[in-house]
C-alpha atoms as a PDB file:
ATOM      1  CA  UNK A   1     -14.672   4.546  -4.169  1.00  0.00           C
ATOM      2  CA  UNK A   2     -11.078   3.891  -5.149  1.00  0.00           C
ATOM      3  CA  UNK A   3     -10.222   1.694  -8.120  1.00  0.00           C
ATOM      4  CA  UNK A   4      -9.636  -1.967  -7.355  1.00  0.00           C
ATOM      5  CA  UNK A   5      -6.309  -1.625  -9.185  1.00  0.00           C
ATOM      6  CA  UNK A   6      -5.128   0.989  -6.700  1.00  0.00           C
ATOM      7  CA  UNK A   7      -2.240   0.092  -4.471  1.00  0.00           C
ATOM      8  CA  UNK A   8      -2.722   1.394  -0.959  1.00  0.00           C
ATOM      9  CA  UNK A   9       0.256   2.686   0.920  1.00  0.00           C
ATOM     10  CA  UNK A  10      -0.336   2.871   4.634  1.00  0.00           C
ATOM     11  CA  UNK A  11       0.807   5.961   6.457  1.00  0.00           C
ATOM     12  CA  UNK A  12       4.152   5.523   8.159  1.00  0.00           C
ATOM     13  CA  UNK A  13       5.268   7.474  11.196  1.00  0.00           C
ATOM     14  CA  UNK A  14       8.338   9.682  10.808  1.00  0.00           C
ATOM     15  CA  UNK A  15      11.095   8.567  13.142  1.00  0.00           C
ATOM     16  CA  UNK A  16      13.833  10.588  14.783  1.00  0.00           C
ATOM     17  CA  UNK A  17      16.302   8.773  12.525  1.00  0.00           C
ATOM     18  CA  UNK A  18      14.508   9.951   9.385  1.00  0.00           C
ATOM     19  CA  UNK A  19      14.423  13.499  10.732  1.00  0.00           C
ATOM     20  CA  UNK A  20      18.176  13.475  11.429  1.00  0.00           C
ATOM     21  CA  UNK A  21      18.882  12.026   7.960  1.00  0.00           C
ATOM     22  CA  UNK A  22      16.980  14.867   6.302  1.00  0.00           C
ATOM     23  CA  UNK A  23      19.246  17.351   8.073  1.00  0.00           C
ATOM     24  CA  UNK A  24      22.389  15.587   6.813  1.00  0.00           C
ATOM     25  CA  UNK A  25      24.228  17.367   3.954  1.00  0.00           C
ATOM     26  CA  UNK A  26      24.583  14.031   2.118  1.00  0.00           C
ATOM     27  CA  UNK A  27      20.888  13.158   2.390  1.00  0.00           C
ATOM     28  CA  UNK A  28      19.447  11.665  -0.808  1.00  0.00           C
ATOM     29  CA  UNK A  29      15.662  11.430  -1.127  1.00  0.00           C
ATOM     30  CA  UNK A  30      14.274   7.950  -1.662  1.00  0.00           C
ATOM     31  CA  UNK A  31      13.876   7.173  -5.365  1.00  0.00           C
ATOM     32  CA  UNK A  32      11.162   4.852  -6.708  1.00  0.00           C
ATOM     33  CA  UNK A  33      10.649   3.999 -10.384  1.00  0.00           C
ATOM     34  CA  UNK A  34       7.059   4.642 -11.484  1.00  0.00           C
ATOM     35  CA  UNK A  35       6.886   1.078 -12.830  1.00  0.00           C
ATOM     36  CA  UNK A  36       7.695  -0.263  -9.359  1.00  0.00           C
ATOM     37  CA  UNK A  37       5.164   2.046  -7.739  1.00  0.00           C
ATOM     38  CA  UNK A  38       2.264   1.330 -10.105  1.00  0.00           C
ATOM     39  CA  UNK A  39       3.058  -2.358 -10.911  1.00  0.00           C
ATOM     40  CA  UNK A  40       0.833  -2.339 -13.992  1.00  0.00           C
ATOM     41  CA  UNK A  41      -1.989  -0.271 -12.461  1.00  0.00           C
ATOM     42  CA  UNK A  42      -2.902   3.204 -13.682  1.00  0.00           C
ATOM     43  CA  UNK A  43      -3.403   4.670 -10.220  1.00  0.00           C
ATOM     44  CA  UNK A  44      -2.254   4.254  -6.636  1.00  0.00           C
ATOM     45  CA  UNK A  45      -3.465   5.720  -3.372  1.00  0.00           C
ATOM     46  CA  UNK A  46      -0.828   7.500  -1.273  1.00  0.00           C
ATOM     47  CA  UNK A  47      -1.701   8.191   2.366  1.00  0.00           C
ATOM     48  CA  UNK A  48      -0.316  11.376   3.933  1.00  0.00           C
ATOM     49  CA  UNK A  49      -1.304  12.578   7.416  1.00  0.00           C
ATOM     50  CA  UNK A  50      -4.297  10.237   7.376  1.00  0.00           C
ATOM     51  CA  UNK A  51      -5.588  11.623   4.076  1.00  0.00           C
ATOM     52  CA  UNK A  52      -5.684   9.558   0.849  1.00  0.00           C
ATOM     53  CA  UNK A  53      -4.272  11.123  -2.312  1.00  0.00           C
ATOM     54  CA  UNK A  54      -4.790   9.578  -5.748  1.00  0.00           C
ATOM     55  CA  UNK A  55      -1.710   9.408  -7.998  1.00  0.00           C
ATOM     56  CA  UNK A  56      -2.597   8.396 -11.536  1.00  0.00           C
ATOM     57  CA  UNK A  57      -1.033   8.081 -14.969  1.00  0.00           C
ATOM     58  CA  UNK A  58      -2.870   9.979 -17.729  1.00  0.00           C
ATOM     59  CA  UNK A  59      -3.374   8.887 -21.347  1.00  0.00           C
ATOM     60  CA  UNK A  60      -0.468  11.200 -22.228  1.00  0.00           C
ATOM     61  CA  UNK A  61       1.806   9.360 -19.742  1.00  0.00           C
ATOM     62  CA  UNK A  62       1.827  12.246 -17.235  1.00  0.00           C
ATOM     63  CA  UNK A  63       1.362  11.938 -13.470  1.00  0.00           C
ATOM     64  CA  UNK A  64      -1.466  13.705 -11.639  1.00  0.00           C
ATOM     65  CA  UNK A  65      -1.817  13.824  -7.838  1.00  0.00           C
ATOM     66  CA  UNK A  66      -5.268  14.732  -6.489  1.00  0.00           C
ATOM     67  CA  UNK A  67      -6.830  14.831  -3.048  1.00  0.00           C
END
């Protein structure tokens, strides 16, 4: 069972526009501050290809991603 503090990110479909942007020489990956992602929680759930991954902050302020 996932923590109640977890923020769930629903899987989003990749569009043709996103695919063409990734092939652009000036493409910049999306940047998200950890504070904005976690919003006070110590873990979030990231969905990828229908599979949940747990991203959490450790006591040493490191990030760990697990399946």
